[in-house]
Amino acid sequence: MAGGDVAGIYNEADQRYRDAVTRDKSDALYTSIIRKLGVPLDCKQGGSMMQVGTMGTTIRSECETRFSKDATAKETFVWVKAKDRYRLMGYNIVSNDLITR
């Protein structure tokens, strides 16, 4: 998202992410975040949890993110190991700035 490549986020995501959300909706989400909050500047790492199960190895990580338009958000990412790398499987953002702007 920092590079503005919303198409790349979807293209590189795990198939389960792509099954859960259409390309148009995914692009609209990230475009809206960039329009309202700006691009991510930095992330203060929160909790992380690794889980190994029937879905594979997943990592859930939380960040307190500061954006370029003087906004903040709590982002939660779920990554799943696919072959030799982790791919995005889930994303959630919580920010009052998304509502009020």
PDB file of N, CA and C in Angstrom:
ATOM      1  N   MET A   1       0.830  -1.185   0.000  1.00  0.00           N
ATOM      2  CA  MET A   1       0.000   0.000   0.000  1.00  0.00           C
ATOM      3  C   MET A   1       0.877   1.252   0.000  1.00  0.00           C
ATOM      4  N   ALA A   2       2.025   1.173   0.671  1.00  0.00           N
ATOM      5  CA  ALA A   2       2.903   2.344   0.735  1.00  0.00           C
ATOM      6  C   ALA A   2       3.349   2.774  -0.656  1.00  0.00           C
ATOM      7  N   GLY A   3       3.487   1.825  -1.568  1.00  0.00           N
ATOM      8  CA  GLY A   3       3.887   2.141  -2.925  1.00  0.00           C
ATOM      9  C   GLY A   3       2.722   2.459  -3.843  1.00  0.00           C
ATOM     10  N   GLY A   4       1.488   2.384  -3.314  1.00  0.00           N
ATOM     11  CA  GLY A   4       0.308   2.673  -4.112  1.00  0.00           C
ATOM     12  C   GLY A   4      -0.083   1.556  -5.065  1.00  0.00           C
ATOM     13  N   ASP A   5       0.498   0.381  -4.909  1.00  0.00           N
ATOM     14  CA  ASP A   5       0.236  -0.739  -5.810  1.00  0.00           C
ATOM     15  C   ASP A   5      -0.907  -1.603  -5.270  1.00  0.00           C
ATOM     16  N   VAL A   6      -2.126  -1.079  -5.328  1.00  0.00           N
ATOM     17  CA  VAL A   6      -3.268  -1.833  -4.802  1.00  0.00           C
ATOM     18  C   VAL A   6      -3.526  -3.086  -5.632  1.00  0.00           C
ATOM     19  N   ALA A   7      -3.240  -3.041  -6.920  1.00  0.00           N
ATOM     20  CA  ALA A   7      -3.405  -4.227  -7.764  1.00  0.00           C
ATOM     21  C   ALA A   7      -2.448  -5.329  -7.321  1.00  0.00           C
ATOM     22  N   GLY A   8      -1.233  -4.946  -6.958  1.00  0.00           N
ATOM     23  CA  GLY A   8      -0.241  -5.915  -6.502  1.00  0.00           C
ATOM     24  C   GLY A   8      -0.640  -6.607  -5.218  1.00  0.00           C
ATOM     25  N   ILE A   9      -1.318  -5.886  -4.344  1.00  0.00           N
ATOM     26  CA  ILE A   9      -1.789  -6.502  -3.095  1.00  0.00           C
ATOM     27  C   ILE A   9      -2.704  -7.669  -3.420  1.00  0.00           C
ATOM     28  N   TYR A  10      -3.650  -7.441  -4.297  1.00  0.00           N
ATOM     29  CA  TYR A  10      -4.604  -8.500  -4.669  1.00  0.00           C
ATOM     30  C   TYR A  10      -3.906  -9.619  -5.441  1.00  0.00           C
ATOM     31  N   ASN A  11      -3.085  -9.253  -6.395  1.00  0.00           N
ATOM     32  CA  ASN A  11      -2.429 -10.258  -7.238  1.00  0.00           C
ATOM     33  C   ASN A  11      -1.515 -11.181  -6.442  1.00  0.00           C
ATOM     34  N   GLU A  12      -0.867 -10.660  -5.419  1.00  0.00           N
ATOM     35  CA  GLU A  12       0.073 -11.454  -4.632  1.00  0.00           C
ATOM     36  C   GLU A  12      -0.571 -12.116  -3.413  1.00  0.00           C
ATOM     37  N   ALA A  13      -1.843 -11.844  -3.168  1.00  0.00           N
ATOM     38  CA  ALA A  13      -2.530 -12.415  -2.006  1.00  0.00           C
ATOM     39  C   ALA A  13      -2.795 -13.905  -2.203  1.00  0.00           C
ATOM     40  N   ASP A  14      -3.027 -14.572  -1.104  1.00  0.00           N
ATOM     41  CA  ASP A  14      -3.393 -15.988  -1.132  1.00  0.00           C
ATOM     42  C   ASP A  14      -4.733 -16.170  -1.841  1.00  0.00           C
ATOM     43  N   GLN A  15      -4.932 -17.328  -2.416  1.00  0.00           N
ATOM     44  CA  GLN A  15      -6.190 -17.602  -3.122  1.00  0.00           C
ATOM     45  C   GLN A  15      -7.398 -17.454  -2.201  1.00  0.00           C
ATOM     46  N   ARG A  16      -7.263 -17.764  -0.919  1.00  0.00           N
ATOM     47  CA  ARG A  16      -8.393 -17.629   0.019  1.00  0.00           C
ATOM     48  C   ARG A  16      -8.802 -16.169   0.186  1.00  0.00           C
ATOM     49  N   TYR A  17      -7.850 -15.256   0.112  1.00  0.00           N
ATOM     50  CA  TYR A  17      -8.169 -13.822   0.128  1.00  0.00           C
ATOM     51  C   TYR A  17      -8.954 -13.477  -1.129  1.00  0.00           C
ATOM     52  N   ARG A  18      -8.470 -13.934  -2.269  1.00  0.00           N
ATOM     53  CA  ARG A  18      -9.124 -13.627  -3.541  1.00  0.00           C
ATOM     54  C   ARG A  18     -10.497 -14.280  -3.652  1.00  0.00           C
ATOM     55  N   ASP A  19     -10.684 -15.411  -2.985  1.00  0.00           N
ATOM     56  CA  ASP A  19     -12.008 -16.052  -2.965  1.00  0.00           C
ATOM     57  C   ASP A  19     -12.987 -15.272  -2.089  1.00  0.00           C
ATOM     58  N   ALA A  20     -12.468 -14.595  -1.066  1.00  0.00           N
ATOM     59  CA  ALA A  20     -13.329 -13.894  -0.109  1.00  0.00           C
ATOM     60  C   ALA A  20     -13.737 -12.500  -0.569  1.00  0.00           C
ATOM     61  N   VAL A  21     -12.939 -11.886  -1.428  1.00  0.00           N
ATOM     62  CA  VAL A  21     -13.216 -10.508  -1.852  1.00  0.00           C
ATOM     63  C   VAL A  21     -12.883 -10.374  -3.337  1.00  0.00           C
ATOM     64  N   THR A  22     -13.709  -9.626  -4.038  1.00  0.00           N
ATOM     65  CA  THR A  22     -13.448  -9.410  -5.460  1.00  0.00           C
ATOM     66  C   THR A  22     -12.293  -8.426  -5.641  1.00  0.00           C
ATOM     67  N   ARG A  23     -11.725  -8.437  -6.796  1.00  0.00           N
ATOM     68  CA  ARG A  23     -10.638  -7.511  -7.122  1.00  0.00           C
ATOM     69  C   ARG A  23     -11.107  -6.076  -6.979  1.00  0.00           C
ATOM     70  N   ASP A  24     -12.309  -5.771  -7.481  1.00  0.00           N
ATOM     71  CA  ASP A  24     -12.829  -4.401  -7.392  1.00  0.00           C
ATOM     72  C   ASP A  24     -12.988  -3.941  -5.951  1.00  0.00           C
ATOM     73  N   LYS A  25     -13.506  -4.814  -5.094  1.00  0.00           N
ATOM     74  CA  LYS A  25     -13.702  -4.432  -3.689  1.00  0.00           C
ATOM     75  C   LYS A  25     -12.379  -4.292  -2.950  1.00  0.00           C
ATOM     76  N   SER A  26     -11.438  -5.153  -3.245  1.00  0.00           N
ATOM     77  CA  SER A  26     -10.120  -5.047  -2.620  1.00  0.00           C
ATOM     78  C   SER A  26      -9.442  -3.745  -3.041  1.00  0.00           C
ATOM     79  N   ASP A  27      -9.443  -3.470  -4.345  1.00  0.00           N
ATOM     80  CA  ASP A  27      -8.841  -2.227  -4.835  1.00  0.00           C
ATOM     81  C   ASP A  27      -9.533  -1.006  -4.225  1.00  0.00           C
ATOM     82  N   ALA A  28     -10.866  -1.047  -4.130  1.00  0.00           N
ATOM     83  CA  ALA A  28     -11.621   0.079  -3.573  1.00  0.00           C
ATOM     84  C   ALA A  28     -11.261   0.313  -2.105  1.00  0.00           C
ATOM     85  N   LEU A  29     -11.072  -0.768  -1.344  1.00  0.00           N
ATOM     86  CA  LEU A  29     -10.705  -0.632   0.063  1.00  0.00           C
ATOM     87  C   LEU A  29      -9.380   0.095   0.213  1.00  0.00           C
ATOM     88  N   TYR A  30      -8.350  -0.392  -0.468  1.00  0.00           N
ATOM     89  CA  TYR A  30      -7.025   0.197  -0.313  1.00  0.00           C
ATOM     90  C   TYR A  30      -6.954   1.604  -0.910  1.00  0.00           C
ATOM     91  N   THR A  31      -7.657   1.842  -2.000  1.00  0.00           N
ATOM     92  CA  THR A  31      -7.703   3.174  -2.594  1.00  0.00           C
ATOM     93  C   THR A  31      -8.373   4.151  -1.635  1.00  0.00           C
ATOM     94  N   SER A  32      -9.433   3.718  -0.974  1.00  0.00           N
ATOM     95  CA  SER A  32     -10.134   4.557   0.001  1.00  0.00           C
ATOM     96  C   SER A  32      -9.238   4.872   1.206  1.00  0.00           C
ATOM     97  N   ILE A  33      -8.511   3.878   1.666  1.00  0.00           N
ATOM     98  CA  ILE A  33      -7.597   4.100   2.797  1.00  0.00           C
ATOM     99  C   ILE A  33      -6.551   5.144   2.411  1.00  0.00           C
ATOM    100  N   ILE A  34      -5.966   5.007   1.236  1.00  0.00           N
ATOM    101  CA  ILE A  34      -4.946   5.949   0.784  1.00  0.00           C
ATOM    102  C   ILE A  34      -5.545   7.347   0.619  1.00  0.00           C
ATOM    103  N   ARG A  35      -6.750   7.429   0.063  1.00  0.00           N
ATOM    104  CA  ARG A  35      -7.400   8.730  -0.155  1.00  0.00           C
ATOM    105  C   ARG A  35      -7.696   9.426   1.177  1.00  0.00           C
ATOM    106  N   LYS A  36      -8.178   8.680   2.153  1.00  0.00           N
ATOM    107  CA  LYS A  36      -8.575   9.298   3.423  1.00  0.00           C
ATOM    108  C   LYS A  36      -7.428   9.444   4.422  1.00  0.00           C
ATOM    109  N   LEU A  37      -6.557   8.455   4.496  1.00  0.00           N
ATOM    110  CA  LEU A  37      -5.512   8.454   5.521  1.00  0.00           C
ATOM    111  C   LEU A  37      -4.133   8.799   4.982  1.00  0.00           C
ATOM    112  N   GLY A  38      -3.935   8.564   3.702  1.00  0.00           N
ATOM    113  CA  GLY A  38      -2.614   8.733   3.102  1.00  0.00           C
ATOM    114  C   GLY A  38      -1.905   7.399   3.027  1.00  0.00           C
ATOM    115  N   VAL A  39      -0.643   7.456   2.700  1.00  0.00           N
ATOM    116  CA  VAL A  39       0.144   6.227   2.621  1.00  0.00           C
ATOM    117  C   VAL A  39       0.726   5.908   3.994  1.00  0.00           C
ATOM    118  N   PRO A  40       0.955   4.637   4.284  1.00  0.00           N
ATOM    119  CA  PRO A  40       1.562   4.272   5.572  1.00  0.00           C
ATOM    120  C   PRO A  40       2.981   4.824   5.671  1.00  0.00           C
ATOM    121  N   LEU A  41       3.286   5.410   6.820  1.00  0.00           N
ATOM    122  CA  LEU A  41       4.636   5.928   7.065  1.00  0.00           C
ATOM    123  C   LEU A  41       5.455   4.975   7.915  1.00  0.00           C
ATOM    124  N   ASP A  42       4.856   4.504   8.985  1.00  0.00           N
ATOM    125  CA  ASP A  42       5.540   3.556   9.851  1.00  0.00           C
ATOM    126  C   ASP A  42       4.517   2.756  10.638  1.00  0.00           C
ATOM    127  N   CYS A  43       5.019   1.693  11.229  1.00  0.00           N
ATOM    128  CA  CYS A  43       4.154   0.754  11.944  1.00  0.00           C
ATOM    129  C   CYS A  43       4.814   0.396  13.262  1.00  0.00           C
ATOM    130  N   LYS A  44       4.088   0.600  14.340  1.00  0.00           N
ATOM    131  CA  LYS A  44       4.552   0.164  15.656  1.00  0.00           C
ATOM    132  C   LYS A  44       3.990  -1.239  15.864  1.00  0.00           C
ATOM    133  N   GLN A  45       4.880  -2.206  15.862  1.00  0.00           N
ATOM    134  CA  GLN A  45       4.475  -3.608  15.938  1.00  0.00           C
ATOM    135  C   GLN A  45       3.725  -3.898  17.241  1.00  0.00           C
ATOM    136  N   GLY A  46       2.583  -4.553  17.108  1.00  0.00           N
ATOM    137  CA  GLY A  46       1.812  -5.007  18.253  1.00  0.00           C
ATOM    138  C   GLY A  46       2.033  -6.494  18.436  1.00  0.00           C
ATOM    139  N   GLY A  47       0.983  -7.179  18.837  1.00  0.00           N
ATOM    140  CA  GLY A  47       1.079  -8.608  19.060  1.00  0.00           C
ATOM    141  C   GLY A  47       1.134  -9.395  17.768  1.00  0.00           C
ATOM    142  N   SER A  48       1.791 -10.532  17.841  1.00  0.00           N
ATOM    143  CA  SER A  48       1.848 -11.475  16.727  1.00  0.00           C
ATOM    144  C   SER A  48       1.591 -12.869  17.262  1.00  0.00           C
ATOM    145  N   MET A  49       0.981 -13.685  16.407  1.00  0.00           N
ATOM    146  CA  MET A  49       0.697 -15.059  16.811  1.00  0.00           C
ATOM    147  C   MET A  49       0.896 -15.967  15.608  1.00  0.00           C
ATOM    148  N   MET A  50       1.639 -17.024  15.801  1.00  0.00           N
ATOM    149  CA  MET A  50       1.837 -18.014  14.754  1.00  0.00           C
ATOM    150  C   MET A  50       1.023 -19.250  15.106  1.00  0.00           C
ATOM    151  N   GLN A  51       0.402 -19.836  14.086  1.00  0.00           N
ATOM    152  CA  GLN A  51      -0.410 -21.020  14.307  1.00  0.00           C
ATOM    153  C   GLN A  51      -0.142 -22.007  13.178  1.00  0.00           C
ATOM    154  N   VAL A  52       0.031 -23.261  13.542  1.00  0.00           N
ATOM    155  CA  VAL A  52       0.207 -24.324  12.568  1.00  0.00           C
ATOM    156  C   VAL A  52      -1.016 -25.222  12.658  1.00  0.00           C
ATOM    157  N   GLY A  53      -1.706 -25.409  11.529  1.00  0.00           N
ATOM    158  CA  GLY A  53      -2.918 -26.217  11.535  1.00  0.00           C
ATOM    159  C   GLY A  53      -3.211 -26.764  10.152  1.00  0.00           C
ATOM    160  N   THR A  54      -4.436 -27.215   9.975  1.00  0.00           N
ATOM    161  CA  THR A  54      -4.823 -27.827   8.704  1.00  0.00           C
ATOM    162  C   THR A  54      -4.823 -26.822   7.554  1.00  0.00           C
ATOM    163  N   MET A  55      -4.963 -25.534   7.853  1.00  0.00           N
ATOM    164  CA  MET A  55      -4.916 -24.495   6.818  1.00  0.00           C
ATOM    165  C   MET A  55      -3.478 -24.153   6.438  1.00  0.00           C
ATOM    166  N   GLY A  56      -2.521 -24.695   7.160  1.00  0.00           N
ATOM    167  CA  GLY A  56      -1.122 -24.368   6.953  1.00  0.00           C
ATOM    168  C   GLY A  56      -0.616 -23.517   8.097  1.00  0.00           C
ATOM    169  N   THR A  57       0.508 -22.909   7.913  1.00  0.00           N
ATOM    170  CA  THR A  57       1.103 -22.042   8.925  1.00  0.00           C
ATOM    171  C   THR A  57       0.626 -20.614   8.674  1.00  0.00           C
ATOM    172  N   THR A  58       0.020 -20.030   9.699  1.00  0.00           N
ATOM    173  CA  THR A  58      -0.456 -18.661   9.581  1.00  0.00           C
ATOM    174  C   THR A  58       0.199 -17.787  10.645  1.00  0.00           C
ATOM    175  N   ILE A  59       0.346 -16.528  10.306  1.00  0.00           N
ATOM    176  CA  ILE A  59       0.828 -15.519  11.248  1.00  0.00           C
ATOM    177  C   ILE A  59      -0.190 -14.395  11.259  1.00  0.00           C
ATOM    178  N   ARG A  60      -0.619 -14.050  12.455  1.00  0.00           N
ATOM    179  CA  ARG A  60      -1.518 -12.906  12.641  1.00  0.00           C
ATOM    180  C   ARG A  60      -0.704 -11.828  13.337  1.00  0.00           C
ATOM    181  N   SER A  61      -0.639 -10.652  12.729  1.00  0.00           N
ATOM    182  CA  SER A  61       0.146  -9.572  13.324  1.00  0.00           C
ATOM    183  C   SER A  61      -0.666  -8.282  13.342  1.00  0.00           C
ATOM    184  N   GLU A  62      -0.428  -7.505  14.382  1.00  0.00           N
ATOM    185  CA  GLU A  62      -1.118  -6.228  14.551  1.00  0.00           C
ATOM    186  C   GLU A  62      -0.106  -5.098  14.529  1.00  0.00           C
ATOM    187  N   CYS A  63      -0.528  -3.978  13.959  1.00  0.00           N
ATOM    188  CA  CYS A  63       0.319  -2.783  13.887  1.00  0.00           C
ATOM    189  C   CYS A  63      -0.504  -1.554  14.223  1.00  0.00           C
ATOM    190  N   GLU A  64       0.107  -0.637  14.936  1.00  0.00           N
ATOM    191  CA  GLU A  64      -0.428   0.716  15.079  1.00  0.00           C
ATOM    192  C   GLU A  64       0.283   1.527  14.008  1.00  0.00           C
ATOM    193  N   THR A  65      -0.448   1.895  12.974  1.00  0.00           N
ATOM    194  CA  THR A  65       0.161   2.504  11.791  1.00  0.00           C
ATOM    195  C   THR A  65      -0.122   3.996  11.745  1.00  0.00           C
ATOM    196  N   ARG A  66       0.913   4.751  11.383  1.00  0.00           N
ATOM    197  CA  ARG A  66       0.812   6.194  11.185  1.00  0.00           C
ATOM    198  C   ARG A  66       0.825   6.450   9.684  1.00  0.00           C
ATOM    199  N   PHE A  67      -0.131   7.260   9.220  1.00  0.00           N
ATOM    200  CA  PHE A  67      -0.284   7.542   7.796  1.00  0.00           C
ATOM    201  C   PHE A  67       0.101   8.981   7.486  1.00  0.00           C
ATOM    202  N   SER A  68       0.331   9.258   6.200  1.00  0.00           N
ATOM    203  CA  SER A  68       0.857  10.552   5.764  1.00  0.00           C
ATOM    204  C   SER A  68      -0.105  11.724   5.925  1.00  0.00           C
ATOM    205  N   LYS A  69      -1.396  11.475   6.066  1.00  0.00           N
ATOM    206  CA  LYS A  69      -2.359  12.570   6.240  1.00  0.00           C
ATOM    207  C   LYS A  69      -2.708  12.767   7.715  1.00  0.00           C
ATOM    208  N   ASP A  70      -1.708  12.610   8.578  1.00  0.00           N
ATOM    209  CA  ASP A  70      -1.873  12.794  10.017  1.00  0.00           C
ATOM    210  C   ASP A  70      -3.003  11.938  10.571  1.00  0.00           C
ATOM    211  N   ALA A  71      -3.000  10.676  10.202  1.00  0.00           N
ATOM    212  CA  ALA A  71      -4.022   9.727  10.641  1.00  0.00           C
ATOM    213  C   ALA A  71      -3.342   8.491  11.201  1.00  0.00           C
ATOM    214  N   THR A  72      -4.083   7.776  12.024  1.00  0.00           N
ATOM    215  CA  THR A  72      -3.583   6.531  12.591  1.00  0.00           C
ATOM    216  C   THR A  72      -4.637   5.445  12.446  1.00  0.00           C
ATOM    217  N   ALA A  73      -4.182   4.201  12.550  1.00  0.00           N
ATOM    218  CA  ALA A  73      -5.097   3.068  12.456  1.00  0.00           C
ATOM    219  C   ALA A  73      -4.464   1.855  13.117  1.00  0.00           C
ATOM    220  N   LYS A  74      -5.308   0.943  13.520  1.00  0.00           N
ATOM    221  CA  LYS A  74      -4.844  -0.367  13.972  1.00  0.00           C
ATOM    222  C   LYS A  74      -5.107  -1.319  12.813  1.00  0.00           C
ATOM    223  N   GLU A  75      -4.050  -1.900  12.303  1.00  0.00           N
ATOM    224  CA  GLU A  75      -4.168  -2.844  11.200  1.00  0.00           C
ATOM    225  C   GLU A  75      -3.868  -4.245  11.694  1.00  0.00           C
ATOM    226  N   THR A  76      -4.628  -5.204  11.203  1.00  0.00           N
ATOM    227  CA  THR A  76      -4.403  -6.604  11.516  1.00  0.00           C
ATOM    228  C   THR A  76      -4.233  -7.352  10.199  1.00  0.00           C
ATOM    229  N   PHE A  77      -3.147  -8.080  10.101  1.00  0.00           N
ATOM    230  CA  PHE A  77      -2.826  -8.854   8.907  1.00  0.00           C
ATOM    231  C   PHE A  77      -2.803 -10.334   9.268  1.00  0.00           C
ATOM    232  N   VAL A  78      -3.311 -11.155   8.374  1.00  0.00           N
ATOM    233  CA  VAL A  78      -3.177 -12.603   8.517  1.00  0.00           C
ATOM    234  C   VAL A  78      -2.435 -13.090   7.278  1.00  0.00           C
ATOM    235  N   TRP A  79      -1.301 -13.708   7.525  1.00  0.00           N
ATOM    236  CA  TRP A  79      -0.445 -14.229   6.462  1.00  0.00           C
ATOM    237  C   TRP A  79      -0.475 -15.747   6.512  1.00  0.00           C
ATOM    238  N   VAL A  80      -0.450 -16.383   5.369  1.00  0.00           N
ATOM    239  CA  VAL A  80      -0.410 -17.846   5.315  1.00  0.00           C
ATOM    240  C   VAL A  80       0.794 -18.253   4.465  1.00  0.00           C
ATOM    241  N   LYS A  81       1.471 -19.293   4.912  1.00  0.00           N
ATOM    242  CA  LYS A  81       2.634 -19.751   4.162  1.00  0.00           C
ATOM    243  C   LYS A  81       2.165 -20.548   2.957  1.00  0.00           C
ATOM    244  N   ALA A  82       2.589 -20.110   1.794  1.00  0.00           N
ATOM    245  CA  ALA A  82       2.270 -20.785   0.539  1.00  0.00           C
ATOM    246  C   ALA A  82       3.596 -21.091  -0.149  1.00  0.00           C
ATOM    247  N   LYS A  83       3.915 -22.341  -0.248  1.00  0.00           N
ATOM    248  CA  LYS A  83       5.211 -22.794  -0.773  1.00  0.00           C
ATOM    249  C   LYS A  83       6.325 -22.220   0.082  1.00  0.00           C
ATOM    250  N   ASP A  84       7.110 -21.318  -0.453  1.00  0.00           N
ATOM    251  CA  ASP A  84       8.284 -20.837   0.276  1.00  0.00           C
ATOM    252  C   ASP A  84       8.145 -19.413   0.798  1.00  0.00           C
ATOM    253  N   ARG A  85       6.927 -18.853   0.754  1.00  0.00           N
ATOM    254  CA  ARG A  85       6.752 -17.475   1.242  1.00  0.00           C
ATOM    255  C   ARG A  85       5.360 -17.281   1.830  1.00  0.00           C
ATOM    256  N   TYR A  86       5.216 -16.189   2.573  1.00  0.00           N
ATOM    257  CA  TYR A  86       3.931 -15.864   3.181  1.00  0.00           C
ATOM    258  C   TYR A  86       3.148 -14.937   2.262  1.00  0.00           C
ATOM    259  N   ARG A  87       1.839 -15.205   2.169  1.00  0.00           N
ATOM    260  CA  ARG A  87       0.944 -14.388   1.346  1.00  0.00           C
ATOM    261  C   ARG A  87      -0.196 -13.878   2.224  1.00  0.00           C
ATOM    262  N   LEU A  88      -0.716 -12.714   1.863  1.00  0.00           N
ATOM    263  CA  LEU A  88      -1.824 -12.116   2.601  1.00  0.00           C
ATOM    264  C   LEU A  88      -3.069 -12.978   2.472  1.00  0.00           C
ATOM    265  N   MET A  89      -3.660 -13.319   3.612  1.00  0.00           N
ATOM    266  CA  MET A  89      -4.903 -14.084   3.617  1.00  0.00           C
ATOM    267  C   MET A  89      -6.051 -13.265   4.199  1.00  0.00           C
ATOM    268  N   GLY A  90      -5.736 -12.289   5.056  1.00  0.00           N
ATOM    269  CA  GLY A  90      -6.775 -11.466   5.653  1.00  0.00           C
ATOM    270  C   GLY A  90      -6.231 -10.122   6.077  1.00  0.00           C
ATOM    271  N   TYR A  91      -7.106  -9.119   6.049  1.00  0.00           N
ATOM    272  CA  TYR A  91      -6.707  -7.765   6.427  1.00  0.00           C
ATOM    273  C   TYR A  91      -7.889  -7.080   7.092  1.00  0.00           C
ATOM    274  N   ASN A  92      -7.605  -6.355   8.173  1.00  0.00           N
ATOM    275  CA  ASN A  92      -8.633  -5.574   8.857  1.00  0.00           C
ATOM    276  C   ASN A  92      -7.994  -4.261   9.305  1.00  0.00           C
ATOM    277  N   ILE A  93      -8.763  -3.192   9.200  1.00  0.00           N
ATOM    278  CA  ILE A  93      -8.280  -1.889   9.643  1.00  0.00           C
ATOM    279  C   ILE A  93      -9.349  -1.240  10.508  1.00  0.00           C
ATOM    280  N   VAL A  94      -8.911  -0.634  11.605  1.00  0.00           N
ATOM    281  CA  VAL A  94      -9.807   0.097  12.496  1.00  0.00           C
ATOM    282  C   VAL A  94      -9.220   1.496  12.667  1.00  0.00           C
ATOM    283  N   SER A  95     -10.014   2.508  12.279  1.00  0.00           N
ATOM    284  CA  SER A  95      -9.548   3.878  12.393  1.00  0.00           C
ATOM    285  C   SER A  95     -10.747   4.823  12.415  1.00  0.00           C
ATOM    286  N   ASN A  96     -10.813   5.655  13.439  1.00  0.00           N
ATOM    287  CA  ASN A  96     -11.847   6.688  13.473  1.00  0.00           C
ATOM    288  C   ASN A  96     -11.687   7.653  12.300  1.00  0.00           C
ATOM    289  N   ASP A  97     -10.455   7.847  11.858  1.00  0.00           N
ATOM    290  CA  ASP A  97     -10.203   8.756  10.749  1.00  0.00           C
ATOM    291  C   ASP A  97     -10.861   8.292   9.457  1.00  0.00           C
ATOM    292  N   LEU A  98     -11.042   7.005   9.285  1.00  0.00           N
ATOM    293  CA  LEU A  98     -11.737   6.506   8.096  1.00  0.00           C
ATOM    294  C   LEU A  98     -13.210   6.936   8.095  1.00  0.00           C
ATOM    295  N   ILE A  99     -13.766   7.071   9.267  1.00  0.00           N
ATOM    296  CA  ILE A  99     -15.187   7.435   9.390  1.00  0.00           C
ATOM    297  C   ILE A  99     -15.379   8.940   9.313  1.00  0.00           C
ATOM    298  N   THR A 100     -14.511   9.674   9.956  1.00  0.00           N
ATOM    299  CA  THR A 100     -14.723  11.116  10.109  1.00  0.00           C
ATOM    300  C   THR A 100     -14.206  11.958   8.942  1.00  0.00           C
ATOM    301  N   ARG A 101     -13.481  11.366   8.038  1.00  0.00           N
ATOM    302  CA  ARG A 101     -12.906  12.149   6.924  1.00  0.00           C
ATOM    303  C   ARG A 101     -13.698  11.938   5.657  1.00  0.00           C
TER     304      ARG A 101
END
